Amino acid sequence: MDMREPKVHSFIVKIWLEEGDDETEISFWRGQITHVPNGERRPLRRLSDITNFIEPYLANLDDTSGRGSSLSQDA
């Protein structure tokens, strides 16, 4: 039996705060996103990097399903 889910993608998103060396330096949020099935990783410097990383995987799903669909940031 094939247990893979071809229309499902899993991602791990890690986010942390990189603090400056002293009180005068600015702290930045940083992160990393990983596509679980193939292990591809990318650094994150802004929230839009998450969407940019995931969108190509969703486009591949659309291509194979023959139906157009998308995730929207609107709830």
PDB file of N, CA and C in Angstrom:
ATOM      1  N   MET A   1       0.845  -1.181   0.000  1.00  0.00           N
ATOM      2  CA  MET A   1       0.000   0.000   0.000  1.00  0.00           C
ATOM      3  C   MET A   1       0.889   1.242   0.000  1.00  0.00           C
ATOM      4  N   ASP A   2       0.560   2.203  -0.844  1.00  0.00           N
ATOM      5  CA  ASP A   2       1.324   3.450  -0.936  1.00  0.00           C
ATOM      6  C   ASP A   2       0.768   4.445   0.070  1.00  0.00           C
ATOM      7  N   MET A   3       1.585   4.824   1.080  1.00  0.00           N
ATOM      8  CA  MET A   3       1.128   5.710   2.148  1.00  0.00           C
ATOM      9  C   MET A   3       1.406   7.184   1.844  1.00  0.00           C
ATOM     10  N   ARG A   4       2.030   7.478   0.711  1.00  0.00           N
ATOM     11  CA  ARG A   4       2.322   8.867   0.380  1.00  0.00           C
ATOM     12  C   ARG A   4       1.041   9.624   0.056  1.00  0.00           C
ATOM     13  N   GLU A   5       1.065  10.904   0.308  1.00  0.00           N
ATOM     14  CA  GLU A   5      -0.057  11.780   0.005  1.00  0.00           C
ATOM     15  C   GLU A   5       0.413  12.760  -1.063  1.00  0.00           C
ATOM     16  N   PRO A   6       0.213  12.460  -2.347  1.00  0.00           N
ATOM     17  CA  PRO A   6       0.784  13.286  -3.407  1.00  0.00           C
ATOM     18  C   PRO A   6       0.230  14.704  -3.468  1.00  0.00           C
ATOM     19  N   LYS A   7      -0.927  14.958  -2.880  1.00  0.00           N
ATOM     20  CA  LYS A   7      -1.503  16.298  -2.929  1.00  0.00           C
ATOM     21  C   LYS A   7      -1.337  17.036  -1.605  1.00  0.00           C
ATOM     22  N   VAL A   8      -0.418  16.559  -0.771  1.00  0.00           N
ATOM     23  CA  VAL A   8      -0.167  17.181   0.522  1.00  0.00           C
ATOM     24  C   VAL A   8       1.314  17.517   0.632  1.00  0.00           C
ATOM     25  N   HIS A   9       1.599  18.727   1.068  1.00  0.00           N
ATOM     26  CA  HIS A   9       2.974  19.133   1.322  1.00  0.00           C
ATOM     27  C   HIS A   9       3.077  19.575   2.770  1.00  0.00           C
ATOM     28  N   SER A  10       4.166  19.217   3.415  1.00  0.00           N
ATOM     29  CA  SER A  10       4.412  19.627   4.794  1.00  0.00           C
ATOM     30  C   SER A  10       5.644  20.518   4.834  1.00  0.00           C
ATOM     31  N   PHE A  11       5.556  21.550   5.678  1.00  0.00           N
ATOM     32  CA  PHE A  11       6.649  22.495   5.825  1.00  0.00           C
ATOM     33  C   PHE A  11       6.917  22.718   7.306  1.00  0.00           C
ATOM     34  N   ILE A  12       8.171  22.920   7.652  1.00  0.00           N
ATOM     35  CA  ILE A  12       8.548  23.301   9.004  1.00  0.00           C
ATOM     36  C   ILE A  12       9.058  24.734   8.931  1.00  0.00           C
ATOM     37  N   VAL A  13       8.499  25.603   9.751  1.00  0.00           N
ATOM     38  CA  VAL A  13       8.928  26.996   9.803  1.00  0.00           C
ATOM     39  C   VAL A  13       9.510  27.252  11.187  1.00  0.00           C
ATOM     40  N   LYS A  14      10.770  27.682  11.229  1.00  0.00           N
ATOM     41  CA  LYS A  14      11.440  28.035  12.487  1.00  0.00           C
ATOM     42  C   LYS A  14      11.720  29.522  12.455  1.00  0.00           C
ATOM     43  N   ILE A  15      11.380  30.218  13.536  1.00  0.00           N
ATOM     44  CA  ILE A  15      11.587  31.664  13.609  1.00  0.00           C
ATOM     45  C   ILE A  15      12.239  31.983  14.950  1.00  0.00           C
ATOM     46  N   TRP A  16      13.247  32.857  14.925  1.00  0.00           N
ATOM     47  CA  TRP A  16      13.928  33.255  16.148  1.00  0.00           C
ATOM     48  C   TRP A  16      14.334  34.718  16.062  1.00  0.00           C
ATOM     49  N   LEU A  17      14.633  35.297  17.211  1.00  0.00           N
ATOM     50  CA  LEU A  17      15.058  36.687  17.292  1.00  0.00           C
ATOM     51  C   LEU A  17      16.574  36.732  17.427  1.00  0.00           C
ATOM     52  N   GLU A  18      17.220  37.398  16.478  1.00  0.00           N
ATOM     53  CA  GLU A  18      18.664  37.620  16.562  1.00  0.00           C
ATOM     54  C   GLU A  18      18.864  38.989  17.173  1.00  0.00           C
ATOM     55  N   GLU A  19      19.379  39.008  18.388  1.00  0.00           N
ATOM     56  CA  GLU A  19      19.543  40.259  19.120  1.00  0.00           C
ATOM     57  C   GLU A  19      20.889  40.892  18.813  1.00  0.00           C
ATOM     58  N   GLY A  20      20.917  42.219  18.874  1.00  0.00           N
ATOM     59  CA  GLY A  20      22.158  42.960  18.670  1.00  0.00           C
ATOM     60  C   GLY A  20      23.128  42.698  19.811  1.00  0.00           C
ATOM     61  N   ASP A  21      24.391  43.075  19.603  1.00  0.00           N
ATOM     62  CA  ASP A  21      25.432  42.850  20.596  1.00  0.00           C
ATOM     63  C   ASP A  21      25.267  43.712  21.845  1.00  0.00           C
ATOM     64  N   ASP A  22      24.720  44.910  21.681  1.00  0.00           N
ATOM     65  CA  ASP A  22      24.499  45.778  22.834  1.00  0.00           C
ATOM     66  C   ASP A  22      23.195  46.539  22.637  1.00  0.00           C
ATOM     67  N   GLU A  23      22.896  47.454  23.519  1.00  0.00           N
ATOM     68  CA  GLU A  23      21.620  48.150  23.479  1.00  0.00           C
ATOM     69  C   GLU A  23      21.433  49.029  22.251  1.00  0.00           C
ATOM     70  N   THR A  24      22.506  49.412  21.583  1.00  0.00           N
ATOM     71  CA  THR A  24      22.389  50.300  20.426  1.00  0.00           C
ATOM     72  C   THR A  24      22.090  49.552  19.129  1.00  0.00           C
ATOM     73  N   GLU A  25      22.282  48.241  19.108  1.00  0.00           N
ATOM     74  CA  GLU A  25      22.055  47.475  17.886  1.00  0.00           C
ATOM     75  C   GLU A  25      20.616  46.986  17.816  1.00  0.00           C
ATOM     76  N   ILE A  26      20.109  46.912  16.606  1.00  0.00           N
ATOM     77  CA  ILE A  26      18.734  46.499  16.359  1.00  0.00           C
ATOM     78  C   ILE A  26      18.654  44.969  16.331  1.00  0.00           C
ATOM     79  N   SER A  27      17.569  44.433  16.869  1.00  0.00           N
ATOM     80  CA  SER A  27      17.308  43.003  16.806  1.00  0.00           C
ATOM     81  C   SER A  27      16.479  42.705  15.558  1.00  0.00           C
ATOM     82  N   PHE A  28      16.670  41.526  14.982  1.00  0.00           N
ATOM     83  CA  PHE A  28      15.961  41.119  13.777  1.00  0.00           C
ATOM     84  C   PHE A  28      15.358  39.737  13.963  1.00  0.00           C
ATOM     85  N   TRP A  29      14.170  39.547  13.399  1.00  0.00           N
ATOM     86  CA  TRP A  29      13.583  38.221  13.327  1.00  0.00           C
ATOM     87  C   TRP A  29      14.200  37.508  12.135  1.00  0.00           C
ATOM     88  N   ARG A  30      14.608  36.296  12.343  1.00  0.00           N
ATOM     89  CA  ARG A  30      15.162  35.452  11.290  1.00  0.00           C
ATOM     90  C   ARG A  30      14.439  34.114  11.343  1.00  0.00           C
ATOM     91  N   GLY A  31      14.639  33.320  10.316  1.00  0.00           N
ATOM     92  CA  GLY A  31      13.991  32.030  10.317  1.00  0.00           C
ATOM     93  C   GLY A  31      14.496  31.135   9.215  1.00  0.00           C
ATOM     94  N   GLN A  32      13.846  29.985   9.133  1.00  0.00           N
ATOM     95  CA  GLN A  32      14.175  28.989   8.124  1.00  0.00           C
ATOM     96  C   GLN A  32      12.911  28.202   7.827  1.00  0.00           C
ATOM     97  N   ILE A  33      12.691  27.889   6.564  1.00  0.00           N
ATOM     98  CA  ILE A  33      11.573  27.041   6.180  1.00  0.00           C
ATOM     99  C   ILE A  33      12.127  25.811   5.479  1.00  0.00           C
ATOM    100  N   THR A  34      11.550  24.662   5.786  1.00  0.00           N
ATOM    101  CA  THR A  34      11.979  23.387   5.210  1.00  0.00           C
ATOM    102  C   THR A  34      10.777  22.682   4.609  1.00  0.00           C
ATOM    103  N   HIS A  35      10.922  22.198   3.375  1.00  0.00           N
ATOM    104  CA  HIS A  35       9.916  21.347   2.756  1.00  0.00           C
ATOM    105  C   HIS A  35      10.241  19.934   3.223  1.00  0.00           C
ATOM    106  N   VAL A  36       9.352  19.348   4.000  1.00  0.00           N
ATOM    107  CA  VAL A  36       9.634  18.076   4.662  1.00  0.00           C
ATOM    108  C   VAL A  36       9.918  16.936   3.685  1.00  0.00           C
ATOM    109  N   PRO A  37       9.108  16.716   2.646  1.00  0.00           N
ATOM    110  CA  PRO A  37       9.351  15.554   1.784  1.00  0.00           C
ATOM    111  C   PRO A  37      10.718  15.525   1.104  1.00  0.00           C
ATOM    112  N   ASN A  38      11.238  16.692   0.655  1.00  0.00           N
ATOM    113  CA  ASN A  38      12.518  16.649  -0.052  1.00  0.00           C
ATOM    114  C   ASN A  38      13.672  17.304   0.699  1.00  0.00           C
ATOM    115  N   GLY A  39      13.393  17.922   1.852  1.00  0.00           N
ATOM    116  CA  GLY A  39      14.447  18.500   2.673  1.00  0.00           C
ATOM    117  C   GLY A  39      14.961  19.855   2.213  1.00  0.00           C
ATOM    118  N   GLU A  40      14.367  20.420   1.154  1.00  0.00           N
ATOM    119  CA  GLU A  40      14.818  21.738   0.678  1.00  0.00           C
ATOM    120  C   GLU A  40      14.600  22.781   1.773  1.00  0.00           C
ATOM    121  N   ARG A  41      15.611  23.638   1.984  1.00  0.00           N
ATOM    122  CA  ARG A  41      15.553  24.673   3.032  1.00  0.00           C
ATOM    123  C   ARG A  41      15.872  26.034   2.448  1.00  0.00           C
ATOM    124  N   ARG A  42      15.266  27.050   3.069  1.00  0.00           N
ATOM    125  CA  ARG A  42      15.573  28.433   2.704  1.00  0.00           C
ATOM    126  C   ARG A  42      15.578  29.281   3.963  1.00  0.00           C
ATOM    127  N   PRO A  43      16.459  30.259   4.021  1.00  0.00           N
ATOM    128  CA  PRO A  43      16.420  31.206   5.139  1.00  0.00           C
ATOM    129  C   PRO A  43      15.233  32.151   4.980  1.00  0.00           C
ATOM    130  N   LEU A  44      14.743  32.673   6.098  1.00  0.00           N
ATOM    131  CA  LEU A  44      13.646  33.631   6.100  1.00  0.00           C
ATOM    132  C   LEU A  44      14.147  34.949   6.668  1.00  0.00           C
ATOM    133  N   ARG A  45      13.860  36.016   5.956  1.00  0.00           N
ATOM    134  CA  ARG A  45      14.204  37.350   6.444  1.00  0.00           C
ATOM    135  C   ARG A  45      12.978  38.230   6.575  1.00  0.00           C
ATOM    136  N   ARG A  46      11.885  37.792   5.932  1.00  0.00           N
ATOM    137  CA  ARG A  46      10.603  38.515   6.038  1.00  0.00           C
ATOM    138  C   ARG A  46       9.489  37.480   5.880  1.00  0.00           C
ATOM    139  N   LEU A  47       8.305  37.810   6.345  1.00  0.00           N
ATOM    140  CA  LEU A  47       7.190  36.862   6.301  1.00  0.00           C
ATOM    141  C   LEU A  47       6.846  36.452   4.871  1.00  0.00           C
ATOM    142  N   SER A  48       7.001  37.358   3.929  1.00  0.00           N
ATOM    143  CA  SER A  48       6.676  37.029   2.540  1.00  0.00           C
ATOM    144  C   SER A  48       7.576  35.929   1.976  1.00  0.00           C
ATOM    145  N   ASP A  49       8.739  35.700   2.584  1.00  0.00           N
ATOM    146  CA  ASP A  49       9.610  34.608   2.146  1.00  0.00           C
ATOM    147  C   ASP A  49       8.930  33.252   2.316  1.00  0.00           C
ATOM    148  N   ILE A  50       8.054  33.144   3.306  1.00  0.00           N
ATOM    149  CA  ILE A  50       7.325  31.888   3.525  1.00  0.00           C
ATOM    150  C   ILE A  50       6.423  31.606   2.329  1.00  0.00           C
ATOM    151  N   THR A  51       5.632  32.595   1.939  1.00  0.00           N
ATOM    152  CA  THR A  51       4.726  32.437   0.809  1.00  0.00           C
ATOM    153  C   THR A  51       5.497  32.169  -0.476  1.00  0.00           C
ATOM    154  N   ASN A  52       6.576  32.910  -0.689  1.00  0.00           N
ATOM    155  CA  ASN A  52       7.380  32.734  -1.903  1.00  0.00           C
ATOM    156  C   ASN A  52       7.953  31.324  -2.002  1.00  0.00           C
ATOM    157  N   PHE A  53       8.294  30.728  -0.876  1.00  0.00           N
ATOM    158  CA  PHE A  53       8.851  29.372  -0.870  1.00  0.00           C
ATOM    159  C   PHE A  53       7.768  28.332  -1.169  1.00  0.00           C
ATOM    160  N   ILE A  54       6.574  28.528  -0.621  1.00  0.00           N
ATOM    161  CA  ILE A  54       5.505  27.536  -0.731  1.00  0.00           C
ATOM    162  C   ILE A  54       4.780  27.596  -2.078  1.00  0.00           C
ATOM    163  N   GLU A  55       4.639  28.766  -2.657  1.00  0.00           N
ATOM    164  CA  GLU A  55       3.851  28.931  -3.886  1.00  0.00           C
ATOM    165  C   GLU A  55       4.220  27.983  -5.028  1.00  0.00           C
ATOM    166  N   PRO A  56       5.496  27.740  -5.323  1.00  0.00           N
ATOM    167  CA  PRO A  56       5.802  26.810  -6.422  1.00  0.00           C
ATOM    168  C   PRO A  56       5.279  25.394  -6.171  1.00  0.00           C
ATOM    169  N   TYR A  57       5.258  24.968  -4.923  1.00  0.00           N
ATOM    170  CA  TYR A  57       4.716  23.644  -4.619  1.00  0.00           C
ATOM    171  C   TYR A  57       3.216  23.603  -4.896  1.00  0.00           C
ATOM    172  N   LEU A  58       2.518  24.693  -4.581  1.00  0.00           N
ATOM    173  CA  LEU A  58       1.080  24.760  -4.845  1.00  0.00           C
ATOM    174  C   LEU A  58       0.815  24.820  -6.345  1.00  0.00           C
ATOM    175  N   ALA A  59       1.664  25.523  -7.078  1.00  0.00           N
ATOM    176  CA  ALA A  59       1.507  25.598  -8.525  1.00  0.00           C
ATOM    177  C   ALA A  59       1.626  24.215  -9.141  1.00  0.00           C
ATOM    178  N   ASN A  60       2.547  23.402  -8.642  1.00  0.00           N
ATOM    179  CA  ASN A  60       2.693  22.034  -9.135  1.00  0.00           C
ATOM    180  C   ASN A  60       1.439  21.220  -8.866  1.00  0.00           C
ATOM    181  N   LEU A  61       0.801  21.433  -7.728  1.00  0.00           N
ATOM    182  CA  LEU A  61      -0.452  20.733  -7.436  1.00  0.00           C
ATOM    183  C   LEU A  61      -1.521  21.161  -8.425  1.00  0.00           C
ATOM    184  N   ASP A  62      -1.608  22.459  -8.719  1.00  0.00           N
ATOM    185  CA  ASP A  62      -2.594  22.959  -9.675  1.00  0.00           C
ATOM    186  C   ASP A  62      -2.374  22.347 -11.050  1.00  0.00           C
ATOM    187  N   ASP A  63      -1.118  22.219 -11.468  1.00  0.00           N
ATOM    188  CA  ASP A  63      -0.811  21.672 -12.786  1.00  0.00           C
ATOM    189  C   ASP A  63      -1.274  20.234 -12.921  1.00  0.00           C
ATOM    190  N   THR A  64      -1.144  19.453 -11.849  1.00  0.00           N
ATOM    191  CA  THR A  64      -1.505  18.046 -11.923  1.00  0.00           C
ATOM    192  C   THR A  64      -2.991  17.811 -11.722  1.00  0.00           C
ATOM    193  N   SER A  65      -3.687  18.736 -11.072  1.00  0.00           N
ATOM    194  CA  SER A  65      -5.111  18.520 -10.807  1.00  0.00           C
ATOM    195  C   SER A  65      -5.982  18.987 -11.965  1.00  0.00           C
ATOM    196  N   GLY A  66      -5.453  19.916 -12.770  1.00  0.00           N
ATOM    197  CA  GLY A  66      -6.239  20.455 -13.850  1.00  0.00           C
ATOM    198  C   GLY A  66      -7.232  21.509 -13.400  1.00  0.00           C
ATOM    199  N   ARG A  67      -7.220  21.841 -12.128  1.00  0.00           N
ATOM    200  CA  ARG A  67      -8.119  22.851 -11.591  1.00  0.00           C
ATOM    201  C   ARG A  67      -7.279  23.996 -11.055  1.00  0.00           C
ATOM    202  N   GLY A  68      -7.718  25.186 -11.244  1.00  0.00           N
ATOM    203  CA  GLY A  68      -7.030  26.343 -10.689  1.00  0.00           C
ATOM    204  C   GLY A  68      -7.465  26.565  -9.262  1.00  0.00           C
ATOM    205  N   SER A  69      -6.521  26.746  -8.378  1.00  0.00           N
ATOM    206  CA  SER A  69      -6.834  27.041  -6.987  1.00  0.00           C
ATOM    207  C   SER A  69      -5.674  27.803  -6.393  1.00  0.00           C
ATOM    208  N   SER A  70      -5.949  28.495  -5.321  1.00  0.00           N
ATOM    209  CA  SER A  70      -4.881  29.233  -4.656  1.00  0.00           C
ATOM    210  C   SER A  70      -5.238  29.455  -3.213  1.00  0.00           C
ATOM    211  N   LEU A  71      -4.222  29.690  -2.407  1.00  0.00           N
ATOM    212  CA  LEU A  71      -4.426  30.092  -1.037  1.00  0.00           C
ATOM    213  C   LEU A  71      -4.418  31.602  -1.007  1.00  0.00           C
ATOM    214  N   SER A  72      -5.306  32.168  -0.252  1.00  0.00           N
ATOM    215  CA  SER A  72      -5.382  33.611  -0.151  1.00  0.00           C
ATOM    216  C   SER A  72      -4.989  34.030   1.254  1.00  0.00           C
ATOM    217  N   GLN A  73      -4.400  35.208   1.376  1.00  0.00           N
ATOM    218  CA  GLN A  73      -4.081  35.731   2.704  1.00  0.00           C
ATOM    219  C   GLN A  73      -5.309  36.294   3.366  1.00  0.00           C
ATOM    220  N   ASP A  74      -6.405  36.422   2.629  1.00  0.00           N
ATOM    221  CA  ASP A  74      -7.649  36.908   3.198  1.00  0.00           C
ATOM    222  C   ASP A  74      -8.372  35.756   3.874  1.00  0.00           C
ATOM    223  N   ALA A  75      -8.877  36.007   5.067  1.00  0.00           N
ATOM    224  CA  ALA A  75      -9.590  34.950   5.781  1.00  0.00           C
ATOM    225  C   ALA A  75     -11.055  34.964   5.448  1.00  0.00           C
TER     226      ALA A  75
END
